[in-house]
């Protein structure tokens, strides 16, 4: 975990020699990291990326060789805990960004899609080859892919196992944008820094408003905004934002 002075925290999956698999040990480290971030009021934005040439090769499935040793209810409990631990990044109140620096496979791609913004290296390989392994999709793949990129893209990727490169994924709407691999992290950190510089209360409320793809209808949006906008109108941060605009300077938000 790398904490920067601008309020951005970078979480790096750091098993590059194995292409950053989501092992039991890494899963526990991830659970603790997210728990720590939930309590940290100084965090303004979180970036997740991978060390080395891959983002994540997905779940560590080596233990499936012993599948006969566990019953379906036990496997269900194990997988549900695994999914919820990694997808807990979506529950953070601050904006989250995935920087897919290389291959993102199966559960590794899905947890990236749970972030608010997803950027990929142009040549990064994105795939969800569950059925080729004899597995039903997991890590909310059947929810995240259709929600992010539409049912057509989800069907093709999940039913055929087709690999999509980062540049194509950006065109298909699967990721927000694609950058050359060598500049990806710098570009993402710049985006994260700009995001972290915005008013924290307004940013958090906006994230809530957009959760799950936004409000169900116009009336729901109006009811939410007619409450959430006055909350920010009563904040010191709004007064600071207006003063900074009037004085032509950078605002200094204090999360109050």
Protein backbone atom coordinates (compact mmCIF):
# COMPACT_ATOMS: atom_id res chain seq x y z
CA UNK A 1 0.00 0.00 0.00
CA UNK A 2 1.49 3.30 -1.14
CA UNK A 3 0.00 6.43 0.46
CA UNK A 4 0.69 9.62 -1.49
CA UNK A 5 0.65 13.16 -0.16
CA UNK A 6 -2.33 14.11 -2.34
CA UNK A 7 -4.68 11.62 -0.67
CA UNK A 8 -4.29 8.93 -3.33
CA UNK A 9 -3.57 5.38 -2.11
CA UNK A 10 -2.12 2.81 -4.53
CA UNK A 11 -2.80 -0.88 -3.88
CA UNK A 12 -0.48 -3.16 -5.87
CA UNK A 13 -1.02 -6.90 -6.34
CA UNK A 14 2.56 -7.99 -5.81
CA UNK A 15 3.25 -11.55 -6.90
CA UNK A 16 4.70 -10.71 -10.33
CA UNK A 17 6.57 -14.00 -10.74
CA UNK A 18 3.17 -15.77 -10.67
CA UNK A 19 1.25 -13.05 -12.52
CA UNK A 20 -0.44 -11.86 -9.32
CA UNK A 21 -2.89 -14.70 -8.57
CA UNK A 22 -5.55 -14.09 -5.93
CA UNK A 23 -4.22 -16.61 -3.41
CA UNK A 24 -5.59 -17.16 0.08
CA UNK A 25 -2.71 -15.13 1.52
CA UNK A 26 -3.24 -12.24 -0.89
CA UNK A 27 -6.98 -12.35 -0.25
CA UNK A 28 -6.41 -11.92 3.48
CA UNK A 29 -3.99 -9.04 2.84
CA UNK A 30 -6.59 -7.44 0.57
CA UNK A 31 -9.29 -7.81 3.24
CA UNK A 32 -7.09 -6.05 5.79
CA UNK A 33 -6.08 -3.29 3.37
CA UNK A 34 -9.69 -2.45 2.52
CA UNK A 35 -10.63 -2.51 6.21
CA UNK A 36 -7.81 -0.05 6.96
CA UNK A 37 -8.91 2.26 4.11
CA UNK A 38 -12.50 2.31 5.38
CA UNK A 39 -11.28 3.83 8.65
CA UNK A 40 -8.89 6.33 7.06
CA UNK A 41 -10.55 9.74 6.65
CA UNK A 42 -7.54 11.15 4.81
CA UNK A 43 -7.96 8.89 1.78
CA UNK A 44 -9.45 10.68 -1.23
CA UNK A 45 -8.98 8.12 -4.03
CA UNK A 46 -7.77 4.50 -4.34
CA UNK A 47 -5.89 3.01 -7.30
CA UNK A 48 -5.49 -0.76 -7.79
CA UNK A 49 -2.85 -2.15 -10.14
CA UNK A 50 -0.52 -5.12 -10.60
CA UNK A 51 3.24 -5.54 -10.28
CA UNK A 52 5.23 -6.77 -13.25
CA UNK A 53 3.73 -7.63 -16.62
CA UNK A 54 0.27 -8.74 -15.44
CA UNK A 55 -2.61 -7.18 -13.56
CA UNK A 56 -3.92 -10.47 -12.17
CA UNK A 57 -4.19 -14.03 -13.44
CA UNK A 58 -7.34 -14.40 -11.35
CA UNK A 59 -8.22 -16.87 -8.64
CA UNK A 60 -5.68 -19.44 -7.52
CA UNK A 61 -7.44 -22.62 -8.63
CA UNK A 62 -4.73 -25.10 -7.66
CA UNK A 63 -6.80 -26.20 -4.66
CA UNK A 64 -9.57 -27.41 -7.01
CA UNK A 65 -7.53 -30.55 -7.61
CA UNK A 66 -8.81 -31.56 -4.17
CA UNK A 67 -12.43 -30.73 -5.04
CA UNK A 68 -13.65 -34.10 -3.79
CA UNK A 69 -12.65 -33.13 -0.26
CA UNK A 70 -15.29 -30.39 0.04
CA UNK A 71 -19.07 -30.48 -0.27
CA UNK A 72 -21.06 -28.00 -2.37
CA UNK A 73 -22.24 -26.02 0.72
CA UNK A 74 -18.66 -25.69 1.94
CA UNK A 75 -17.47 -24.63 -1.51
CA UNK A 76 -20.29 -22.12 -1.72
CA UNK A 77 -19.29 -20.52 1.58
CA UNK A 78 -15.65 -20.43 0.53
CA UNK A 79 -16.38 -18.80 -2.83
CA UNK A 80 -18.85 -16.29 -1.41
CA UNK A 81 -16.25 -15.11 1.11
CA UNK A 82 -13.64 -14.87 -1.64
CA UNK A 83 -15.93 -12.84 -3.92
CA UNK A 84 -17.05 -10.47 -1.19
CA UNK A 85 -13.51 -9.81 0.02
CA UNK A 86 -12.22 -8.73 -3.39
CA UNK A 87 -15.36 -6.88 -4.45
CA UNK A 88 -15.35 -4.90 -1.20
CA UNK A 89 -13.36 -2.25 -3.06
CA UNK A 90 -16.72 -1.21 -4.51
CA UNK A 91 -17.99 -0.40 -1.01
CA UNK A 92 -15.36 2.24 -0.28
CA UNK A 93 -16.89 5.71 -0.06
CA UNK A 94 -14.08 7.30 -2.07
CA UNK A 95 -13.59 6.92 -5.86
CA UNK A 96 -11.71 3.78 -6.91
CA UNK A 97 -9.67 3.30 -10.08
CA UNK A 98 -8.28 0.13 -11.66
CA UNK A 99 -5.09 0.45 -13.71
CA UNK A 100 -4.95 -2.77 -15.74
CA UNK A 101 -1.28 -2.84 -16.64
CA UNK A 102 -1.29 -6.31 -18.20
CA UNK A 103 -3.32 -9.50 -18.44
CA UNK A 104 -6.52 -9.43 -16.37
CA UNK A 105 -8.03 -12.90 -16.28
CA UNK A 106 -11.31 -14.18 -14.83
CA UNK A 107 -11.79 -12.98 -11.27
CA UNK A 108 -8.91 -10.54 -11.77
CA UNK A 109 -10.80 -8.72 -14.52
CA UNK A 110 -14.06 -8.83 -12.58
CA UNK A 111 -12.67 -7.18 -9.49
CA UNK A 112 -11.16 -4.44 -11.69
CA UNK A 113 -14.62 -3.85 -13.23
CA UNK A 114 -15.99 -3.29 -9.72
CA UNK A 115 -13.97 -0.06 -9.52
CA UNK A 116 -15.54 3.30 -10.43
CA UNK A 117 -13.09 3.94 -13.25
CA UNK A 118 -11.12 1.35 -15.22
CA UNK A 119 -8.10 2.15 -17.39
CA UNK A 120 -6.08 -0.42 -19.31
CA UNK A 121 -2.84 -0.69 -21.20
CA UNK A 122 -3.62 -0.79 -24.91
CA UNK A 123 -2.04 -4.23 -25.25
CA UNK A 124 -3.38 -5.70 -21.99
CA UNK A 125 -5.25 -8.99 -22.47
CA UNK A 126 -8.70 -9.07 -20.87
CA UNK A 127 -10.54 -12.39 -20.70
CA UNK A 128 -12.96 -14.43 -18.60
CA UNK A 129 -12.26 -18.08 -19.57
CA UNK A 130 -14.42 -19.73 -16.93
CA UNK A 131 -16.34 -22.12 -19.19
CA UNK A 132 -13.12 -23.24 -20.91
CA UNK A 133 -12.03 -24.47 -17.48
CA UNK A 134 -15.33 -26.23 -16.85
CA UNK A 135 -16.45 -23.55 -14.43
CA UNK A 136 -19.50 -21.34 -14.18
CA UNK A 137 -18.43 -17.66 -14.08
CA UNK A 138 -17.74 -16.22 -10.64
CA UNK A 139 -16.74 -12.94 -8.95
CA UNK A 140 -20.04 -11.40 -10.15
CA UNK A 141 -18.98 -11.78 -13.82
CA UNK A 142 -22.58 -12.28 -14.93
CA UNK A 143 -23.49 -8.96 -13.30
CA UNK A 144 -20.42 -6.82 -13.89
CA UNK A 145 -19.79 -7.49 -17.58
CA UNK A 146 -23.38 -6.84 -18.75
CA UNK A 147 -23.63 -3.77 -16.51
CA UNK A 148 -20.36 -2.27 -17.74
CA UNK A 149 -20.27 -3.22 -21.42
CA UNK A 150 -23.73 -4.54 -22.25
CA UNK A 151 -25.20 -8.01 -22.64
CA UNK A 152 -23.74 -8.55 -26.13
CA UNK A 153 -20.15 -8.07 -25.04
CA UNK A 154 -20.76 -10.11 -21.90
CA UNK A 155 -22.20 -13.01 -23.88
CA UNK A 156 -19.32 -13.09 -26.32
CA UNK A 157 -16.65 -12.94 -23.66
CA UNK A 158 -18.30 -15.38 -21.24
CA UNK A 159 -19.64 -17.91 -23.76
CA UNK A 160 -16.76 -17.97 -26.25
CA UNK A 161 -13.90 -16.99 -23.95
CA UNK A 162 -12.67 -14.41 -26.47
CA UNK A 163 -9.71 -12.29 -25.40
CA UNK A 164 -10.10 -8.54 -25.78
CA UNK A 165 -7.13 -6.18 -25.84
CA UNK A 166 -7.24 -2.97 -23.85
CA UNK A 167 -7.64 -0.70 -26.87
CA UNK A 168 -10.62 -2.69 -28.14
CA UNK A 169 -12.05 -2.90 -24.63
CA UNK A 170 -12.08 0.90 -24.48
CA UNK A 171 -13.97 1.06 -27.78
CA UNK A 172 -16.45 -1.56 -26.52
CA UNK A 173 -17.04 0.31 -23.25
CA UNK A 174 -15.57 -2.46 -21.12
CA UNK A 175 -12.92 -0.06 -19.77
CA UNK A 176 -13.03 3.71 -19.48
CA UNK A 177 -9.94 4.44 -21.62
CA UNK A 178 -6.77 2.77 -22.81
CA UNK A 179 -3.24 4.16 -22.71
CA UNK A 180 0.15 2.91 -23.91
CA UNK A 181 1.51 0.48 -21.34
CA UNK A 182 4.55 2.62 -20.55
CA UNK A 183 2.43 5.66 -19.63
CA UNK A 184 -0.59 3.92 -18.08
CA UNK A 185 0.26 4.31 -14.40
CA UNK A 186 1.39 7.92 -14.78
CA UNK A 187 -1.85 8.77 -16.61
CA UNK A 188 -3.96 7.01 -13.97
CA UNK A 189 -2.15 8.69 -11.09
CA UNK A 190 -2.76 12.07 -12.72
CA UNK A 191 -6.46 11.24 -13.02
CA UNK A 192 -6.50 10.02 -9.42
CA UNK A 193 -4.78 13.19 -8.24
CA UNK A 194 -7.36 15.38 -9.99
CA UNK A 195 -10.17 13.31 -8.50
CA UNK A 196 -8.65 13.51 -5.01
CA UNK A 197 -8.41 17.30 -5.30
CA UNK A 198 -12.19 17.68 -5.57
CA UNK A 199 -14.45 18.32 -2.57
CA UNK A 200 -14.63 15.05 -0.57
CA UNK A 201 -18.25 15.31 0.60
CA UNK A 202 -19.57 16.19 -2.86
CA UNK A 203 -17.45 13.44 -4.42
CA UNK A 204 -18.67 10.75 -2.02
CA UNK A 205 -22.31 11.70 -2.47
CA UNK A 206 -21.85 11.67 -6.26
CA UNK A 207 -20.34 8.19 -6.07
CA UNK A 208 -23.40 7.00 -4.13
CA UNK A 209 -25.72 8.59 -6.72
CA UNK A 210 -23.98 6.71 -9.54
CA UNK A 211 -23.79 3.36 -7.74
CA UNK A 212 -25.29 0.52 -9.77
CA UNK A 213 -25.46 2.63 -12.91
CA UNK A 214 -27.32 5.64 -11.55
CA UNK A 215 -30.89 6.21 -10.41
CA UNK A 216 -33.78 4.11 -11.67
CA UNK A 217 -35.69 7.08 -13.11
CA UNK A 218 -35.85 10.87 -13.27
CA UNK A 219 -37.98 11.25 -10.15
CA UNK A 220 -35.56 9.15 -8.09
CA UNK A 221 -32.69 11.35 -9.28
CA UNK A 222 -34.57 14.54 -8.40
CA UNK A 223 -35.44 13.30 -4.92
CA UNK A 224 -31.82 12.30 -4.22
CA UNK A 225 -30.30 15.49 -5.64
CA UNK A 226 -32.75 17.76 -3.84
CA UNK A 227 -31.36 16.33 -0.59
CA UNK A 228 -27.73 15.70 -1.48
CA UNK A 229 -27.08 19.09 -3.08
CA UNK A 230 -28.32 21.04 -0.03
CA UNK A 231 -26.02 18.89 2.14
CA UNK A 232 -23.08 20.20 0.14
CA UNK A 233 -24.52 23.74 0.09
CA UNK A 234 -24.28 23.73 3.89
CA UNK A 235 -20.63 22.60 3.88
CA UNK A 236 -17.48 24.62 4.42
CA UNK A 237 -16.07 22.94 1.33
CA UNK A 238 -18.67 24.62 -0.91
CA UNK A 239 -17.81 28.03 0.54
CA UNK A 240 -14.13 27.27 -0.06
CA UNK A 241 -14.83 26.16 -3.63
CA UNK A 242 -16.71 29.34 -4.44
CA UNK A 243 -14.06 31.51 -2.77
CA UNK A 244 -11.28 29.77 -4.71
CA UNK A 245 -13.13 30.31 -7.98
CA UNK A 246 -13.67 33.98 -7.17
CA UNK A 247 -10.04 34.46 -6.14
CA UNK A 248 -8.69 32.39 -9.06
CA UNK A 249 -6.75 29.96 -6.88
CA UNK A 250 -6.68 26.24 -6.13
CA UNK A 251 -9.28 25.31 -3.47
CA UNK A 252 -8.18 23.79 -0.17
CA UNK A 253 -10.97 21.41 0.79
CA UNK A 254 -11.07 20.15 4.38
CA UNK A 255 -13.82 17.51 4.16
CA UNK A 256 -16.25 19.57 6.23
